[in-house]
Amino acid sequence: MIDFVEVGNKIAKLRREFKLSQEELADQLYITRQALSKWENGTSIPSIDSLLELCKIFSISFEEMLCLQEDSEIDPDNIFSGHNRSYVIEQIISRKIKVDIPNVLYQMSPAERLVVLKAIKAGEIEIDDEEELFCKLTNSEMRFLTGGNLYEVEKSNN
């Protein structure tokens, strides 16, 4: 999965390194400055043709332009900082990013939490300390994770 925010940061960084204004780079790509701004903000991503042209302008590979070769740095205090939220969740589920789920769960939206809990329930993600996770879940999340059997969780915690 491509992280739009990371790609946008890469485009902005390269543009500044090449001492180009947004207007100048947009003109070279035959796009509007606003379209370039959206790319740099991570709210949209260039077309394949534009990506190829960016690779030529900046003399870098396609993989490098899409940040496919780089390991994503995740700040445990803010796992979404500088990254697209869906990208981070997908990377956590696919185990490409290792985070301590119980300690970062509070940073996730209810929908993101449910996606992660679904992966835990399916065995796609392993939790080292289930007790620590359970104490941070809402009652409905715990019911979802345990199949509705809260009594078994309470009994195992005692």
Protein backbone atom coordinates (compact mmCIF):
# COMPACT_ATOMS: atom_id res chain seq x y z
CA MET A 1 0.00 0.00 0.00
CA ILE A 2 1.25 3.45 -0.89
CA ASP A 3 1.38 6.12 1.80
CA PHE A 4 0.10 9.30 0.11
CA VAL A 5 1.47 11.51 2.89
CA GLU A 6 4.95 10.03 2.63
CA VAL A 7 4.93 10.37 -1.19
CA GLY A 8 3.76 13.98 -0.84
CA ASN A 9 6.53 14.73 1.64
CA LYS A 10 9.03 13.20 -0.80
CA ILE A 11 7.77 15.38 -3.69
CA ALA A 12 7.91 18.54 -1.55
CA LYS A 13 11.40 17.69 -0.27
CA LEU A 14 12.75 17.03 -3.77
CA ARG A 15 11.10 20.17 -5.15
CA ARG A 16 12.82 22.27 -2.48
CA GLU A 17 16.17 20.50 -3.04
CA PHE A 18 15.92 21.36 -6.73
CA LYS A 19 15.01 24.94 -5.75
CA LEU A 20 11.71 24.86 -7.63
CA SER A 21 8.56 26.69 -6.61
CA GLN A 22 5.27 24.83 -6.75
CA GLU A 23 4.35 26.96 -9.76
CA GLU A 24 7.57 26.07 -11.61
CA LEU A 25 7.23 22.33 -11.00
CA ALA A 26 3.53 22.40 -11.87
CA ASP A 27 4.35 24.10 -15.17
CA GLN A 28 6.90 21.39 -16.00
CA LEU A 29 4.26 18.74 -15.31
CA TYR A 30 1.46 20.60 -17.15
CA ILE A 31 -0.72 20.61 -14.04
CA THR A 32 -2.06 23.30 -11.75
CA ARG A 33 -0.19 24.49 -8.69
CA GLN A 34 -3.24 23.41 -6.65
CA ALA A 35 -2.94 19.83 -7.93
CA LEU A 36 0.74 19.80 -6.92
CA SER A 37 -0.19 21.19 -3.52
CA LYS A 38 -2.68 18.34 -3.00
CA TRP A 39 0.04 15.83 -3.85
CA GLU A 40 2.43 17.44 -1.39
CA ASN A 41 -0.24 17.47 1.33
CA GLY A 42 -0.99 13.78 0.75
CA THR A 43 -4.64 14.39 -0.12
CA SER A 44 -4.17 12.98 -3.62
CA ILE A 45 -1.46 11.22 -5.58
CA PRO A 46 -0.04 11.87 -9.05
CA SER A 47 -1.08 9.83 -12.07
CA ILE A 48 1.37 7.24 -13.38
CA ASP A 49 2.37 9.63 -16.17
CA SER A 50 3.06 12.42 -13.67
CA LEU A 51 4.99 10.05 -11.41
CA LEU A 52 7.17 8.99 -14.32
CA GLU A 53 7.79 12.63 -15.24
CA LEU A 54 8.69 13.42 -11.59
CA CYS A 55 11.18 10.53 -11.67
CA LYS A 56 12.82 12.06 -14.76
CA ILE A 57 12.90 15.58 -13.31
CA PHE A 58 14.40 14.44 -10.00
CA SER A 59 16.50 11.58 -11.47
CA ILE A 60 15.17 8.95 -9.10
CA SER A 61 13.59 5.52 -9.51
CA PHE A 62 9.86 4.91 -9.52
CA GLU A 63 10.21 2.87 -6.31
CA GLU A 64 12.07 5.68 -4.61
CA MET A 65 9.43 8.22 -5.69
CA LEU A 66 6.70 6.05 -4.16
CA CYS A 67 8.80 5.49 -1.02
CA LEU A 68 8.61 1.74 -1.55
CA GLN A 69 12.24 1.12 -0.59
CA GLU A 70 12.13 3.05 2.64
CA ASP A 71 11.23 1.66 6.02
CA SER A 72 8.54 3.75 7.62
CA GLU A 73 9.55 5.30 10.89
CA ILE A 74 6.71 5.11 13.35
CA ASP A 75 6.69 7.29 16.43
CA PRO A 76 5.07 5.23 19.22
CA ASP A 77 3.74 8.45 20.77
CA ASN A 78 1.95 9.35 17.52
CA ILE A 79 1.81 6.39 15.13
CA PHE A 80 -0.01 8.42 12.45
CA SER A 81 2.40 11.38 12.39
CA GLY A 82 3.54 11.94 8.81
CA HIS A 83 1.60 8.95 7.49
CA ASN A 84 -1.76 8.17 5.98
CA ARG A 85 -3.94 6.57 8.68
CA SER A 86 -5.16 3.66 6.53
CA TYR A 87 -1.56 2.99 5.48
CA VAL A 88 -0.45 2.68 9.12
CA ILE A 89 -3.34 0.35 10.02
CA GLU A 90 -2.63 -1.83 6.96
CA GLN A 91 1.08 -1.97 7.84
CA ILE A 92 0.25 -2.99 11.43
CA ILE A 93 -2.09 -5.75 10.28
CA SER A 94 0.39 -7.06 7.71
CA ARG A 95 3.07 -7.02 10.44
CA LYS A 96 5.34 -4.72 8.46
CA ILE A 97 5.23 -2.24 11.33
CA LYS A 98 5.66 -3.57 14.86
CA VAL A 99 3.85 -1.59 17.52
CA ASP A 100 2.69 -2.39 21.02
CA ILE A 101 -1.05 -2.59 20.26
CA PRO A 102 -2.31 -2.08 23.83
CA ASN A 103 -0.20 1.08 24.17
CA VAL A 104 -1.20 2.67 20.85
CA LEU A 105 -4.87 1.63 20.76
CA TYR A 106 -5.96 4.98 22.22
CA GLN A 107 -4.58 6.74 19.12
CA MET A 108 -6.96 4.87 16.82
CA SER A 109 -10.48 5.81 15.84
CA PRO A 110 -13.26 3.34 16.77
CA ALA A 111 -13.32 2.03 13.18
CA GLU A 112 -9.53 1.57 13.14
CA ARG A 113 -9.67 -0.19 16.51
CA LEU A 114 -12.29 -2.58 15.12
CA VAL A 115 -10.11 -3.39 12.08
CA VAL A 116 -7.16 -4.16 14.36
CA LEU A 117 -9.32 -6.22 16.76
CA LYS A 118 -10.71 -8.17 13.81
CA ALA A 119 -7.13 -9.01 12.78
CA ILE A 120 -6.32 -10.08 16.35
CA LYS A 121 -9.43 -12.27 16.47
CA ALA A 122 -8.49 -13.85 13.11
CA GLY A 123 -4.99 -14.60 14.42
CA GLU A 124 -3.29 -12.22 11.97
CA ILE A 125 -1.80 -10.24 14.86
CA GLU A 126 -0.46 -11.74 18.08
CA ILE A 127 -0.67 -9.88 21.36
CA ASP A 128 2.03 -10.53 23.95
CA ASP A 129 -0.05 -9.43 26.94
CA GLU A 130 -3.77 -10.06 26.41
CA GLU A 131 -4.59 -8.85 29.91
CA GLU A 132 -3.07 -5.44 29.14
CA LEU A 133 -5.12 -5.29 25.93
CA PHE A 134 -8.39 -6.32 27.62
CA CYS A 135 -8.15 -3.59 30.23
CA LYS A 136 -7.98 -0.97 27.44
CA LEU A 137 -10.99 -2.21 25.47
CA THR A 138 -14.56 -1.00 25.69
CA ASN A 139 -17.16 -3.58 26.72
CA SER A 140 -18.41 -3.92 23.15
CA GLU A 141 -14.86 -4.37 21.84
CA MET A 142 -14.20 -7.03 24.45
CA ARG A 143 -17.46 -8.81 23.55
CA PHE A 144 -16.44 -8.72 19.89
CA LEU A 145 -12.99 -10.11 20.61
CA THR A 146 -14.17 -12.85 22.94
CA GLY A 147 -17.24 -13.85 20.96
CA GLY A 148 -19.50 -12.33 23.60
CA ASN A 149 -18.21 -14.46 26.48
CA LEU A 150 -17.09 -11.84 29.00
CA TYR A 151 -17.44 -14.33 31.86
CA GLU A 152 -14.50 -16.38 30.52
CA VAL A 153 -12.32 -13.25 30.33
CA GLU A 154 -13.20 -12.22 33.89
CA LYS A 155 -12.61 -15.77 35.15
CA SER A 156 -9.18 -15.99 33.47
CA ASN A 157 -8.17 -12.60 34.90
CA ASN A 158 -8.89 -13.71 38.48
